[in-house]
C-alpha atoms as a PDB file:
ATOM      1  CA  UNK A   1      21.475  33.326  47.363  1.00  0.00           C
ATOM      2  CA  UNK A   2      23.287  35.940  49.445  1.00  0.00           C
ATOM      3  CA  UNK A   3      22.882  39.695  49.070  1.00  0.00           C
ATOM      4  CA  UNK A   4      26.017  40.125  46.950  1.00  0.00           C
ATOM      5  CA  UNK A   5      24.973  37.426  44.518  1.00  0.00           C
ATOM      6  CA  UNK A   6      21.476  38.889  44.316  1.00  0.00           C
ATOM      7  CA  UNK A   7      22.925  42.333  43.617  1.00  0.00           C
ATOM      8  CA  UNK A   8      25.138  40.899  40.875  1.00  0.00           C
ATOM      9  CA  UNK A   9      22.117  39.276  39.252  1.00  0.00           C
ATOM     10  CA  UNK A  10      20.180  42.558  39.386  1.00  0.00           C
ATOM     11  CA  UNK A  11      23.114  44.406  37.808  1.00  0.00           C
ATOM     12  CA  UNK A  12      23.398  41.806  35.043  1.00  0.00           C
ATOM     13  CA  UNK A  13      19.693  42.194  34.285  1.00  0.00           C
ATOM     14  CA  UNK A  14      19.944  45.982  34.249  1.00  0.00           C
ATOM     15  CA  UNK A  15      23.020  45.925  32.014  1.00  0.00           C
ATOM     16  CA  UNK A  16      21.351  43.508  29.596  1.00  0.00           C
ATOM     17  CA  UNK A  17      18.230  45.668  29.418  1.00  0.00           C
ATOM     18  CA  UNK A  18      20.385  48.755  28.989  1.00  0.00           C
ATOM     19  CA  UNK A  19      22.316  47.217  26.085  1.00  0.00           C
ATOM     20  CA  UNK A  20      19.291  45.685  24.419  1.00  0.00           C
ATOM     21  CA  UNK A  21      16.883  48.601  24.656  1.00  0.00           C
ATOM     22  CA  UNK A  22      19.136  51.645  24.993  1.00  0.00           C
ATOM     23  CA  UNK A  23      17.653  52.732  28.355  1.00  0.00           C
ATOM     24  CA  UNK A  24      14.038  52.682  27.155  1.00  0.00           C
ATOM     25  CA  UNK A  25      12.983  49.792  29.422  1.00  0.00           C
ATOM     26  CA  UNK A  26      14.876  50.692  32.579  1.00  0.00           C
ATOM     27  CA  UNK A  27      13.060  51.502  35.790  1.00  0.00           C
ATOM     28  CA  UNK A  28      14.329  53.560  38.711  1.00  0.00           C
ATOM     29  CA  UNK A  29      15.680  50.517  40.539  1.00  0.00           C
ATOM     30  CA  UNK A  30      17.818  49.822  37.473  1.00  0.00           C
ATOM     31  CA  UNK A  31      19.093  53.413  37.438  1.00  0.00           C
ATOM     32  CA  UNK A  32      20.046  53.137  41.104  1.00  0.00           C
ATOM     33  CA  UNK A  33      21.775  49.772  40.631  1.00  0.00           C
ATOM     34  CA  UNK A  34      23.632  50.916  37.532  1.00  0.00           C
ATOM     35  CA  UNK A  35      24.739  54.110  39.275  1.00  0.00           C
ATOM     36  CA  UNK A  36      26.182  52.009  42.092  1.00  0.00           C
ATOM     37  CA  UNK A  37      27.820  49.605  39.653  1.00  0.00           C
ATOM     38  CA  UNK A  38      29.508  52.367  37.682  1.00  0.00           C
ATOM     39  CA  UNK A  39      30.563  54.190  40.844  1.00  0.00           C
ATOM     40  CA  UNK A  40      32.218  51.060  42.255  1.00  0.00           C
ATOM     41  CA  UNK A  41      34.009  50.542  38.942  1.00  0.00           C
ATOM     42  CA  UNK A  42      35.315  54.110  38.815  1.00  0.00           C
ATOM     43  CA  UNK A  43      33.106  55.223  35.927  1.00  0.00           C
ATOM     44  CA  UNK A  44      31.925  58.287  37.796  1.00  0.00           C
ATOM     45  CA  UNK A  45      30.338  60.178  34.886  1.00  0.00           C
ATOM     46  CA  UNK A  46      28.116  57.199  34.078  1.00  0.00           C
ATOM     47  CA  UNK A  47      27.250  56.830  37.762  1.00  0.00           C
ATOM     48  CA  UNK A  48      26.258  60.490  37.986  1.00  0.00           C
ATOM     49  CA  UNK A  49      24.177  60.259  34.812  1.00  0.00           C
ATOM     50  CA  UNK A  50      22.130  57.400  36.260  1.00  0.00           C
ATOM     51  CA  UNK A  51      21.711  59.163  39.611  1.00  0.00           C
ATOM     52  CA  UNK A  52      20.246  62.156  37.767  1.00  0.00           C
ATOM     53  CA  UNK A  53      17.437  59.938  36.483  1.00  0.00           C
ATOM     54  CA  UNK A  54      16.103  59.208  39.971  1.00  0.00           C
ATOM     55  CA  UNK A  55      13.121  61.464  40.427  1.00  0.00           C
ATOM     56  CA  UNK A  56       9.910  59.478  40.838  1.00  0.00           C
ATOM     57  CA  UNK A  57      10.730  57.910  44.209  1.00  0.00           C
ATOM     58  CA  UNK A  58      13.102  60.600  45.330  1.00  0.00           C
ATOM     59  CA  UNK A  59      12.026  60.385  48.981  1.00  0.00           C
ATOM     60  CA  UNK A  60      13.336  56.822  49.053  1.00  0.00           C
ATOM     61  CA  UNK A  61      16.586  57.591  47.276  1.00  0.00           C
ATOM     62  CA  UNK A  62      17.451  60.738  49.207  1.00  0.00           C
ATOM     63  CA  UNK A  63      17.701  58.525  52.293  1.00  0.00           C
ATOM     64  CA  UNK A  64      19.510  55.625  50.607  1.00  0.00           C
ATOM     65  CA  UNK A  65      22.156  57.316  48.491  1.00  0.00           C
ATOM     66  CA  UNK A  66      24.117  59.145  51.228  1.00  0.00           C
ATOM     67  CA  UNK A  67      24.358  55.930  53.276  1.00  0.00           C
ATOM     68  CA  UNK A  68      25.176  53.576  50.402  1.00  0.00           C
ATOM     69  CA  UNK A  69      28.880  52.635  50.397  1.00  0.00           C
ATOM     70  CA  UNK A  70      28.706  52.191  46.615  1.00  0.00           C
ATOM     71  CA  UNK A  71      28.757  55.976  46.289  1.00  0.00           C
ATOM     72  CA  UNK A  72      31.605  56.733  48.702  1.00  0.00           C
ATOM     73  CA  UNK A  73      33.917  57.815  45.869  1.00  0.00           C
ATOM     74  CA  UNK A  74      31.346  60.388  44.704  1.00  0.00           C
ATOM     75  CA  UNK A  75      30.698  62.059  48.050  1.00  0.00           C
ATOM     76  CA  UNK A  76      32.997  65.045  47.409  1.00  0.00           C
ATOM     77  CA  UNK A  77      31.919  65.506  43.788  1.00  0.00           C
ATOM     78  CA  UNK A  78      30.068  68.794  43.183  1.00  0.00           C
ATOM     79  CA  UNK A  79      27.676  67.237  40.693  1.00  0.00           C
ATOM     80  CA  UNK A  80      26.839  64.446  43.162  1.00  0.00           C
ATOM     81  CA  UNK A  81      26.060  67.047  45.824  1.00  0.00           C
ATOM     82  CA  UNK A  82      23.802  68.922  43.370  1.00  0.00           C
ATOM     83  CA  UNK A  83      21.962  65.710  42.504  1.00  0.00           C
ATOM     84  CA  UNK A  84      21.253  65.103  46.191  1.00  0.00           C
ATOM     85  CA  UNK A  85      20.066  68.692  46.593  1.00  0.00           C
ATOM     86  CA  UNK A  86      17.704  68.265  43.629  1.00  0.00           C
ATOM     87  CA  UNK A  87      16.296  65.091  45.162  1.00  0.00           C
ATOM     88  CA  UNK A  88      15.554  67.046  48.339  1.00  0.00           C
ATOM     89  CA  UNK A  89      13.445  69.630  46.441  1.00  0.00           C
END
């Protein structure tokens, strides 16, 4: 299975968990994947909402998010910039 197919499977799992349990069983990896999914699909508010939930492993995400092409369409968004600043704190 290539990386794209693996990512699609992870997104499907996260979306199914999200629908079934209304976010109560999601973990940070799911938040990150869903944020990327919604960003790619132009649902920027949903993407931002999931990015806000990343706080436990923020040292990991502060390095990943700015380099991840999934978030390219958020890079100029003020709320996105604030989220990154909060992860740096």
